[in-house]
Amino acid sequence: MPQPKKDGANAVDHDHVSKSFTLKGLNDSGYINADVSQLDLDYTDFAQDTKANGKVRAGGILRKSKRDDLTTRARKDKGEYDDPDSKLLEEAQIWVEDGEVWYIHPVLQRDHWNHMSNDDWNSIRPSIELASRILDMVEILPFFYGLIAGSVYDLKDSAHNQAHNIIFQEWEMKEVPTVLRAVGQEAESVFLYMVGLRGSVEWEFSHIALSDRRFAQTGWLSKSKKALVEINEDFLDILSGRQQVHDYSMSWEPGTDVESARLRTQVALAITIVHEFAHAIWFCINKKYKVDPYLRGHFINELGFELEHMLFSGLIMPIGTPAVEAAPYGFKIDRFPEAGIRDDEETRVFSREPPSDSGCKTGWSHPVSMKWVSSLFTVDKWEEVARLGLSALKPQRKTGFSHDYRIRKKKRPRSPSPTSPSKKVKI
């Protein structure tokens, strides 16, 4: 699709990255447009590739092998695969329910997405499968094991607690014993806990008012006792084609390639899902405690950002201001815990001390190559992750710059979210 001769109706302005490198400079270096026509976003073939799967999607393989083993034993014990009285079959259903796709995380199965048509589901499915692949990694388990296994304590900072009239908590990651990153008993117990959340988290796309750097919100529905994750509907509209990428782009040469931008939107949605999953699991663990704990030694209580930082050593965000789902100018990775985060009563995010006292006077930003974005949908990348662990998942930083810490206050032009009949606390 040719680049329009004038700026789009919602054209995103420059930020410090695009001003420093220019859009042409970023594009010439492989950060905006790329040939993505040969990418296969359907993971079905890769899901059946057992050569790479054992370590890459450990959670999915565990669920599938458990179900297969239990159903095989049920046939031997009862002689009937579909014997409704078989306890083994009941246990098999815990791991993979009938109708579920085993390589999609149980919490992300289509049944848990509200108001989802077939076409819309197909539009976001690459994001769902990428998020599932990340959540099924053994390397991610210490994050959730620390929250689940009780490595959470009251924060011993009376001045901070009194200042906000909240008894804050802190936590630490807990290592999961593994052998060559294979699934052991502790890892299996964490995966099983996450499987058990399939009926406790709902997802939906909504028209919601969010500030810059936020694409979703997670709340607790007190009546149904479930976590509700609301994701901005712009993701769905862009991926389904109901919104045009060029609506968010300035006119520049050679212009934003639509398919490259949509691929970035798929990745941004997957990262958003993983981010909100961290909030949702905390809501489910602590049904009455709606404030994120602080990771020990860190000064910002934001579980989603902590998980992103664990995965990518920073926060991957669209270039431009305000940040939008279409990511017309590519991705950047920002430092965390700098990233311009400020106290926010609405989201219950609070800084324990000024960033200048925490070694964060200076932030940094690096553009993220389209080569890395495209690699997330290839077998080679995930075989590399299987061999090397999380270090292979992090994008390379070939160029970038530092800048003084600053507060970002620019708001995204959004209308308020419809009021829910159930009480929700937003994160």
Protein backbone atom coordinates (compact mmCIF):
# COMPACT_ATOMS: atom_id res chain seq x y z
CA MET A 1 0.00 0.00 0.00
CA PRO A 2 1.59 3.35 -1.00
CA GLN A 3 2.34 5.90 1.68
CA PRO A 4 -0.26 8.72 1.81
CA LYS A 5 0.87 12.18 0.75
CA LYS A 6 -0.27 13.69 4.03
CA ASP A 7 -0.17 12.75 7.69
CA GLY A 8 -2.75 10.30 8.97
CA ALA A 9 -5.71 11.52 11.01
CA ASN A 10 -4.13 10.22 14.24
CA ALA A 11 -0.50 10.60 13.17
CA VAL A 12 1.97 9.85 15.95
CA ASP A 13 4.57 12.53 16.63
CA HIS A 14 8.33 12.03 16.99
CA ASP A 15 9.89 10.93 20.26
CA HIS A 16 13.54 11.15 21.31
CA VAL A 17 14.44 8.02 19.29
CA SER A 18 12.92 9.10 15.98
CA LYS A 19 14.22 12.65 16.43
CA SER A 20 17.75 11.42 17.08
CA PHE A 21 17.96 8.82 14.32
CA THR A 22 15.27 10.16 11.90
CA LEU A 23 12.70 7.86 10.35
CA LYS A 24 14.80 7.42 7.23
CA GLY A 25 17.84 6.54 9.31
CA LEU A 26 15.89 4.01 11.36
CA ASN A 27 14.43 2.48 8.22
CA ASP A 28 17.77 2.28 6.42
CA SER A 29 19.18 0.39 9.44
CA GLY A 30 16.37 -2.18 9.45
CA TYR A 31 14.24 -0.88 12.30
CA ILE A 32 10.96 0.01 10.54
CA ASN A 33 10.26 -1.82 7.27
CA ALA A 34 11.20 -5.37 6.34
CA ASP A 35 10.12 -8.06 3.91
CA VAL A 36 7.83 -10.19 6.09
CA SER A 37 5.91 -11.77 3.21
CA GLN A 38 7.56 -15.18 3.69
CA LEU A 39 6.79 -15.45 7.41
CA ASP A 40 4.33 -18.17 8.37
CA LEU A 41 2.34 -16.94 11.37
CA ASP A 42 0.49 -20.25 11.68
CA TYR A 43 2.25 -22.17 14.45
CA THR A 44 0.47 -25.45 13.77
CA ASP A 45 3.39 -27.13 12.00
CA PHE A 46 5.88 -25.92 14.58
CA ALA A 47 3.65 -27.11 17.39
CA GLN A 48 3.95 -30.65 16.07
CA ASP A 49 7.75 -30.40 15.65
CA THR A 50 8.91 -32.52 18.59
CA LYS A 51 12.58 -31.84 17.80
CA ALA A 52 12.33 -28.30 19.17
CA ASN A 53 9.35 -28.62 21.43
CA GLY A 54 10.70 -30.49 24.44
CA LYS A 55 12.38 -27.45 25.93
CA VAL A 56 10.85 -24.59 23.96
CA ARG A 57 7.23 -24.96 25.04
CA ALA A 58 7.73 -27.04 28.15
CA GLY A 59 4.32 -26.16 29.63
CA GLY A 60 2.46 -27.16 26.47
CA ILE A 61 4.40 -30.40 26.07
CA LEU A 62 3.76 -31.18 29.75
CA ARG A 63 0.02 -30.66 29.35
CA LYS A 64 -0.14 -32.76 26.19
CA SER A 65 1.98 -35.62 27.57
CA LYS A 66 0.00 -35.70 30.83
CA ARG A 67 -3.31 -35.87 28.98
CA ASP A 68 -2.04 -38.51 26.53
CA ASP A 69 -0.61 -40.64 29.33
CA LEU A 70 -3.73 -40.45 31.48
CA THR A 71 -6.09 -41.25 28.60
CA THR A 72 -3.92 -44.21 27.59
CA ARG A 73 -3.99 -45.55 31.15
CA ALA A 74 -7.75 -45.03 31.25
CA ARG A 75 -8.19 -47.21 28.17
CA LYS A 76 -6.11 -49.96 29.76
CA ASP A 77 -7.98 -49.79 33.06
CA LYS A 78 -11.51 -49.53 31.74
CA GLY A 79 -11.21 -50.70 28.18
CA GLU A 80 -13.21 -47.66 27.09
CA TYR A 81 -11.67 -44.35 26.14
CA ASP A 82 -14.85 -42.39 26.88
CA ASP A 83 -15.85 -44.04 30.16
CA PRO A 84 -17.36 -41.12 32.09
CA ASP A 85 -16.58 -42.79 35.42
CA SER A 86 -12.84 -42.90 34.81
CA LYS A 87 -10.94 -40.80 37.35
CA LEU A 88 -7.98 -40.88 35.01
CA LEU A 89 -10.01 -39.19 32.30
CA GLU A 90 -11.14 -36.56 34.79
CA GLU A 91 -7.52 -35.87 35.65
CA ALA A 92 -6.63 -35.74 31.95
CA GLN A 93 -9.24 -33.00 31.53
CA ILE A 94 -7.45 -30.91 34.15
CA TRP A 95 -4.41 -30.69 31.89
CA VAL A 96 -6.14 -30.26 28.52
CA GLU A 97 -9.90 -29.92 28.35
CA ASP A 98 -11.87 -31.21 25.39
CA GLY A 99 -11.84 -28.61 22.65
CA GLU A 100 -8.66 -26.91 23.88
CA VAL A 101 -5.60 -26.48 21.67
CA TRP A 102 -2.76 -27.92 23.74
CA TYR A 103 -0.11 -25.44 22.57
CA ILE A 104 -2.27 -22.45 23.53
CA HIS A 105 -2.02 -21.63 27.22
CA PRO A 106 -5.17 -22.77 29.12
CA VAL A 107 -5.85 -19.24 30.39
CA LEU A 108 -5.71 -17.87 26.83
CA GLN A 109 -8.03 -20.38 25.15
CA ARG A 110 -10.73 -18.84 22.99
CA ASP A 111 -13.52 -19.70 25.47
CA HIS A 112 -12.04 -17.16 27.90
CA TRP A 113 -12.25 -14.23 25.45
CA ASN A 114 -15.51 -12.33 25.57
CA HIS A 115 -17.37 -11.32 22.40
CA MET A 116 -14.89 -13.00 20.05
CA SER A 117 -15.90 -13.83 16.47
CA ASN A 118 -14.13 -16.42 14.32
CA ASP A 119 -12.55 -13.74 12.13
CA ASP A 120 -11.34 -11.72 15.12
CA TRP A 121 -9.90 -14.83 16.78
CA ASN A 122 -7.98 -15.70 13.64
CA SER A 123 -6.67 -12.12 13.49
CA ILE A 124 -5.14 -12.26 16.98
CA ARG A 125 -4.21 -15.93 17.06
CA PRO A 126 -0.51 -15.35 16.21
CA SER A 127 -0.33 -13.08 19.28
CA ILE A 128 -2.11 -15.68 21.42
CA GLU A 129 0.30 -18.40 20.35
CA LEU A 130 3.37 -16.19 20.84
CA ALA A 131 2.19 -15.23 24.33
CA SER A 132 1.54 -18.92 25.07
CA ARG A 133 5.03 -19.83 23.91
CA ILE A 134 6.50 -17.28 26.34
CA LEU A 135 4.31 -18.33 29.27
CA ASP A 136 5.18 -22.00 28.65
CA MET A 137 8.93 -21.45 29.01
CA VAL A 138 10.63 -23.09 31.98
CA GLU A 139 12.82 -20.01 32.35
CA ILE A 140 9.84 -17.83 33.23
CA LEU A 141 8.75 -20.01 36.17
CA PRO A 142 10.87 -18.36 38.94
CA PHE A 143 8.78 -15.21 38.50
CA PHE A 144 5.49 -17.01 39.14
CA TYR A 145 6.92 -19.52 41.62
CA GLY A 146 7.95 -16.65 43.89
CA LEU A 147 4.39 -15.28 43.89
CA ILE A 148 2.68 -18.64 44.20
CA ALA A 149 4.97 -20.29 46.76
CA GLY A 150 4.63 -17.54 49.34
CA SER A 151 7.88 -15.62 48.85
CA VAL A 152 5.86 -12.47 49.59
CA TYR A 153 6.34 -10.44 52.78
CA ASP A 154 5.13 -7.20 54.32
CA LEU A 155 7.36 -4.31 53.27
CA LYS A 156 9.41 -3.02 56.19
CA ASP A 157 9.21 0.63 55.21
CA SER A 158 6.91 2.32 57.70
CA ALA A 159 7.36 5.80 56.23
CA HIS A 160 6.33 4.61 52.76
CA ASN A 161 3.40 2.59 54.13
CA GLN A 162 2.15 5.55 56.17
CA ALA A 163 2.58 8.01 53.31
CA HIS A 164 0.06 6.08 51.19
CA ASN A 165 -1.95 4.46 54.01
CA ILE A 166 -1.18 1.05 52.51
CA ILE A 167 0.69 -1.93 53.92
CA PHE A 168 2.82 -2.71 50.89
CA GLN A 169 4.43 -6.05 50.25
CA GLU A 170 7.63 -7.19 48.62
CA TRP A 171 8.55 -10.47 46.99
CA GLU A 172 11.43 -12.31 45.43
CA MET A 173 11.71 -14.77 42.62
CA LYS A 174 12.15 -18.39 43.60
CA GLU A 175 14.32 -20.69 41.55
CA VAL A 176 12.68 -23.79 40.13
CA PRO A 177 15.04 -26.80 40.23
CA THR A 178 15.51 -28.18 36.72
CA VAL A 179 17.87 -30.48 34.88
CA LEU A 180 18.91 -28.90 31.59
CA ARG A 181 15.73 -26.80 31.87
CA ALA A 182 13.58 -29.93 31.73
CA VAL A 183 10.36 -30.01 33.75
CA GLY A 184 10.78 -31.36 37.29
CA GLN A 185 8.32 -31.76 40.15
CA GLU A 186 8.45 -28.11 41.27
CA ALA A 187 8.11 -26.85 37.71
CA GLU A 188 5.19 -29.19 37.12
CA SER A 189 3.44 -27.83 40.21
CA VAL A 190 3.79 -24.24 38.95
CA PHE A 191 2.49 -25.16 35.50
CA LEU A 192 -0.42 -27.02 37.15
CA TYR A 193 -1.26 -23.95 39.24
CA MET A 194 -1.35 -21.82 36.10
CA VAL A 195 -3.55 -24.42 34.37
CA GLY A 196 -5.94 -24.12 37.31
CA LEU A 197 -6.46 -20.43 36.53
CA ARG A 198 -8.29 -21.18 33.26
CA GLY A 199 -11.65 -20.42 34.83
CA SER A 200 -10.45 -17.44 36.87
CA VAL A 201 -9.38 -14.99 34.15
CA GLU A 202 -11.49 -13.38 31.44
CA TRP A 203 -10.19 -11.35 28.51
CA GLU A 204 -11.86 -8.82 26.26
CA PHE A 205 -11.14 -5.93 23.92
CA SER A 206 -12.63 -2.65 25.07
CA HIS A 207 -12.61 1.03 24.20
CA ILE A 208 -10.75 2.27 27.25
CA ALA A 209 -9.05 5.52 28.27
CA LEU A 210 -5.38 4.87 28.97
CA SER A 211 -2.30 6.99 29.44
CA ASP A 212 0.87 6.67 27.41
CA ARG A 213 2.68 3.33 27.90
CA ARG A 214 -0.50 1.49 28.89
CA PHE A 215 -2.45 -0.65 26.46
CA ALA A 216 -4.60 -2.65 28.91
CA GLN A 217 -5.90 -2.84 32.45
CA THR A 218 -6.64 -5.73 34.79
CA GLY A 219 -9.34 -5.61 37.43
CA TRP A 220 -11.06 -7.89 39.90
CA LEU A 221 -14.74 -8.70 39.40
CA SER A 222 -16.00 -9.04 42.94
CA LYS A 223 -19.29 -10.75 42.01
CA SER A 224 -17.83 -13.52 39.84
CA LYS A 225 -14.49 -13.56 41.68
CA LYS A 226 -12.51 -13.45 38.46
CA ALA A 227 -9.79 -11.25 37.05
CA LEU A 228 -10.88 -9.29 33.98
CA VAL A 229 -8.24 -8.14 31.52
CA GLU A 230 -9.42 -5.34 29.23
CA ILE A 231 -7.18 -4.69 26.23
CA ASN A 232 -7.55 -1.65 24.06
CA GLU A 233 -9.62 -2.54 21.01
CA ASP A 234 -7.21 -0.73 18.68
CA PHE A 235 -5.13 -3.92 18.69
CA LEU A 236 -8.04 -5.90 17.30
CA ASP A 237 -9.09 -3.21 14.84
CA ILE A 238 -5.59 -2.92 13.37
CA LEU A 239 -5.03 -6.68 13.09
CA SER A 240 -8.47 -7.24 11.57
CA GLY A 241 -8.01 -4.41 9.07
CA ARG A 242 -10.81 -2.27 10.46
CA GLN A 243 -8.24 0.44 11.21
CA GLN A 244 -5.49 1.46 8.81
CA VAL A 245 -1.88 1.65 9.94
CA HIS A 246 -1.36 4.81 7.91
CA ASP A 247 -3.90 6.60 10.08
CA TYR A 248 -1.18 6.68 12.76
CA SER A 249 1.76 7.60 10.54
CA MET A 250 3.22 10.86 9.39
CA SER A 251 3.91 11.09 5.69
CA TRP A 252 7.56 10.22 5.12
CA GLU A 253 9.71 8.49 2.51
CA PRO A 254 9.54 5.62 1.76
CA GLY A 255 6.72 5.37 4.31
CA THR A 256 5.54 2.74 6.79
CA ASP A 257 5.05 -0.74 5.38
CA VAL A 258 1.64 -1.98 6.51
CA GLU A 259 2.59 -5.63 6.97
CA SER A 260 5.69 -4.75 8.97
CA ALA A 261 3.59 -2.57 11.26
CA ARG A 262 0.95 -5.27 11.68
CA LEU A 263 3.65 -7.77 12.62
CA ARG A 264 4.83 -5.38 15.32
CA THR A 265 1.22 -5.06 16.48
CA GLN A 266 1.04 -8.85 16.83
CA VAL A 267 4.17 -8.77 18.99
CA ALA A 268 2.96 -5.78 21.02
CA LEU A 269 -0.31 -7.58 21.72
CA ALA A 270 1.53 -10.74 22.80
CA ILE A 271 3.72 -8.72 25.18
CA THR A 272 0.63 -6.93 26.53
CA ILE A 273 -1.06 -10.28 27.20
CA VAL A 274 2.00 -11.58 29.06
CA HIS A 275 2.21 -8.30 31.01
CA GLU A 276 -1.42 -8.45 32.10
CA PHE A 277 -1.13 -12.16 32.94
CA ALA A 278 1.27 -11.14 35.72
CA HIS A 279 -1.37 -8.82 37.18
CA ALA A 280 -4.14 -11.39 36.73
CA ILE A 281 -2.26 -14.13 38.57
CA TRP A 282 -1.57 -11.75 41.46
CA PHE A 283 -5.28 -10.89 41.65
CA CYS A 284 -6.13 -14.60 41.72
CA ILE A 285 -3.59 -15.33 44.46
CA ASN A 286 -4.63 -12.32 46.58
CA LYS A 287 -8.31 -11.80 45.96
CA LYS A 288 -8.50 -8.92 48.41
CA TYR A 289 -5.07 -7.38 47.92
CA LYS A 290 -5.14 -5.16 44.86
CA VAL A 291 -1.72 -3.48 45.07
CA ASP A 292 1.29 -5.03 43.35
CA PRO A 293 4.20 -6.00 45.61
CA TYR A 294 7.72 -4.65 45.11
CA LEU A 295 10.32 -7.00 43.75
CA ARG A 296 12.98 -7.05 46.45
CA GLY A 297 15.52 -4.28 45.85
CA HIS A 298 13.35 -2.47 43.28
CA PHE A 299 11.55 0.80 43.91
CA ILE A 300 8.50 0.48 41.60
CA ASN A 301 5.66 -1.98 42.27
CA GLU A 302 4.62 -2.97 38.74
CA LEU A 303 4.50 -6.74 38.17
CA GLY A 304 3.84 -6.53 34.45
CA PHE A 305 6.88 -4.35 33.84
CA GLU A 306 8.98 -6.60 36.08
CA LEU A 307 8.03 -9.60 33.96
CA GLU A 308 8.82 -7.74 30.74
CA HIS A 309 12.18 -6.72 32.20
CA MET A 310 12.93 -10.33 33.10
CA LEU A 311 12.20 -11.41 29.53
CA PHE A 312 13.75 -8.56 27.54
CA SER A 313 16.00 -6.60 29.97
CA GLY A 314 13.83 -3.54 29.40
CA LEU A 315 10.43 -2.46 28.14
CA ILE A 316 9.67 -2.88 24.44
CA MET A 317 7.52 0.03 23.30
CA PRO A 318 6.44 1.59 20.00
CA ILE A 319 8.58 4.50 18.84
CA GLY A 320 6.68 7.78 18.76
CA THR A 321 4.57 9.83 21.11
CA PRO A 322 2.08 8.87 22.22
CA ALA A 323 2.89 5.17 21.95
CA VAL A 324 0.20 3.44 19.89
CA GLU A 325 -0.59 -0.17 19.03
CA ALA A 326 0.11 0.33 15.32
CA ALA A 327 3.81 1.04 16.03
CA PRO A 328 4.23 2.85 12.68
CA TYR A 329 7.86 3.80 13.31
CA GLY A 330 9.15 0.56 14.83
CA PHE A 331 9.98 -0.57 18.37
CA LYS A 332 12.41 0.68 20.98
CA ILE A 333 13.52 -0.87 24.26
CA ASP A 334 13.60 1.43 27.29
CA ARG A 335 15.34 0.99 30.57
CA PHE A 336 13.40 -0.34 33.53
CA PRO A 337 13.01 0.72 36.29
CA GLU A 338 13.42 4.13 34.72
CA ALA A 339 11.05 4.46 31.82
CA GLY A 340 9.40 7.65 33.10
CA ILE A 341 7.13 5.88 35.58
CA ARG A 342 5.52 8.09 38.21
CA ASP A 343 3.22 7.62 41.21
CA ASP A 344 -0.29 6.85 40.02
CA GLU A 345 -3.15 6.49 42.50
CA GLU A 346 -5.46 5.05 39.82
CA THR A 347 -3.16 2.19 38.84
CA ARG A 348 -1.74 1.82 42.39
CA VAL A 349 1.85 2.16 41.20
CA PHE A 350 4.11 3.97 43.65
CA SER A 351 7.81 4.81 43.67
CA ARG A 352 9.45 4.07 47.00
CA GLU A 353 12.13 6.71 46.52
CA PRO A 354 13.11 9.25 43.87
CA PRO A 355 14.76 7.67 40.82
CA SER A 356 17.80 9.88 41.41
CA ASP A 357 18.42 7.98 44.66
CA SER A 358 18.21 4.63 42.92
CA GLY A 359 20.87 4.99 40.27
CA CYS A 360 18.28 5.91 37.64
CA LYS A 361 19.07 9.55 36.91
CA THR A 362 19.75 8.51 33.35
CA GLY A 363 17.60 6.38 31.11
CA TRP A 364 18.44 4.80 27.79
CA SER A 365 16.61 3.76 24.66
CA HIS A 366 17.61 1.44 21.83
CA PRO A 367 15.70 0.80 18.59
CA VAL A 368 14.68 -2.84 18.10
CA SER A 369 15.40 -4.42 14.73
CA MET A 370 12.73 -5.93 12.54
CA LYS A 371 15.00 -8.95 12.27
CA TRP A 372 14.33 -9.65 15.95
CA VAL A 373 10.59 -9.00 15.56
CA SER A 374 10.37 -11.42 12.62
CA SER A 375 12.49 -14.05 14.39
CA LEU A 376 9.82 -14.53 17.08
CA PHE A 377 7.75 -16.36 14.46
CA THR A 378 10.50 -18.75 13.34
CA VAL A 379 11.56 -22.21 14.49
CA ASP A 380 15.22 -21.16 14.50
CA LYS A 381 14.66 -18.49 17.16
CA TRP A 382 12.89 -20.83 19.52
CA GLU A 383 15.43 -23.59 19.03
CA GLU A 384 18.03 -20.99 20.01
CA VAL A 385 15.99 -20.11 23.10
CA ALA A 386 15.83 -23.82 23.92
CA ARG A 387 19.61 -24.04 23.83
CA LEU A 388 20.57 -20.75 25.47
CA GLY A 389 17.61 -19.73 27.60
CA LEU A 390 16.31 -16.21 28.11
CA SER A 391 19.49 -14.58 26.84
CA ALA A 392 18.51 -15.70 23.33
CA LEU A 393 15.10 -14.03 23.63
CA LYS A 394 16.41 -10.55 24.41
CA PRO A 395 16.81 -8.16 21.45
CA GLN A 396 20.32 -6.99 20.60
CA ARG A 397 21.22 -3.38 21.32
CA LYS A 398 23.36 -2.21 18.43
CA THR A 399 22.76 1.51 18.81
CA GLY A 400 21.03 3.81 21.24
CA PHE A 401 21.54 6.76 23.54
CA SER A 402 21.03 7.89 27.12
CA HIS A 403 18.83 10.72 28.30
CA ASP A 404 17.91 12.42 31.55
CA TYR A 405 15.12 10.94 33.59
CA ARG A 406 11.85 12.69 32.84
CA ILE A 407 8.17 12.25 33.56
CA ARG A 408 5.95 11.55 30.57
CA LYS A 409 2.55 13.16 30.97
CA LYS A 410 1.17 13.12 27.46
CA LYS A 411 -2.16 11.35 27.37
CA ARG A 412 -3.55 9.15 24.66
CA PRO A 413 -6.72 10.60 23.06
CA ARG A 414 -9.23 8.05 24.33
CA SER A 415 -12.78 8.23 25.62
CA PRO A 416 -13.63 6.78 29.05
CA SER A 417 -14.31 3.08 29.47
CA PRO A 418 -17.92 2.06 30.00
CA THR A 419 -18.73 1.53 33.66
CA SER A 420 -18.88 -2.12 34.69
CA PRO A 421 -21.65 -3.32 36.99
CA SER A 422 -19.02 -5.22 38.98
CA LYS A 423 -16.41 -3.51 41.10
CA LYS A 424 -13.00 -3.39 39.42
CA VAL A 425 -9.65 -2.23 40.67
CA LYS A 426 -7.44 -1.24 37.74
CA ILE A 427 -3.78 -2.08 37.33
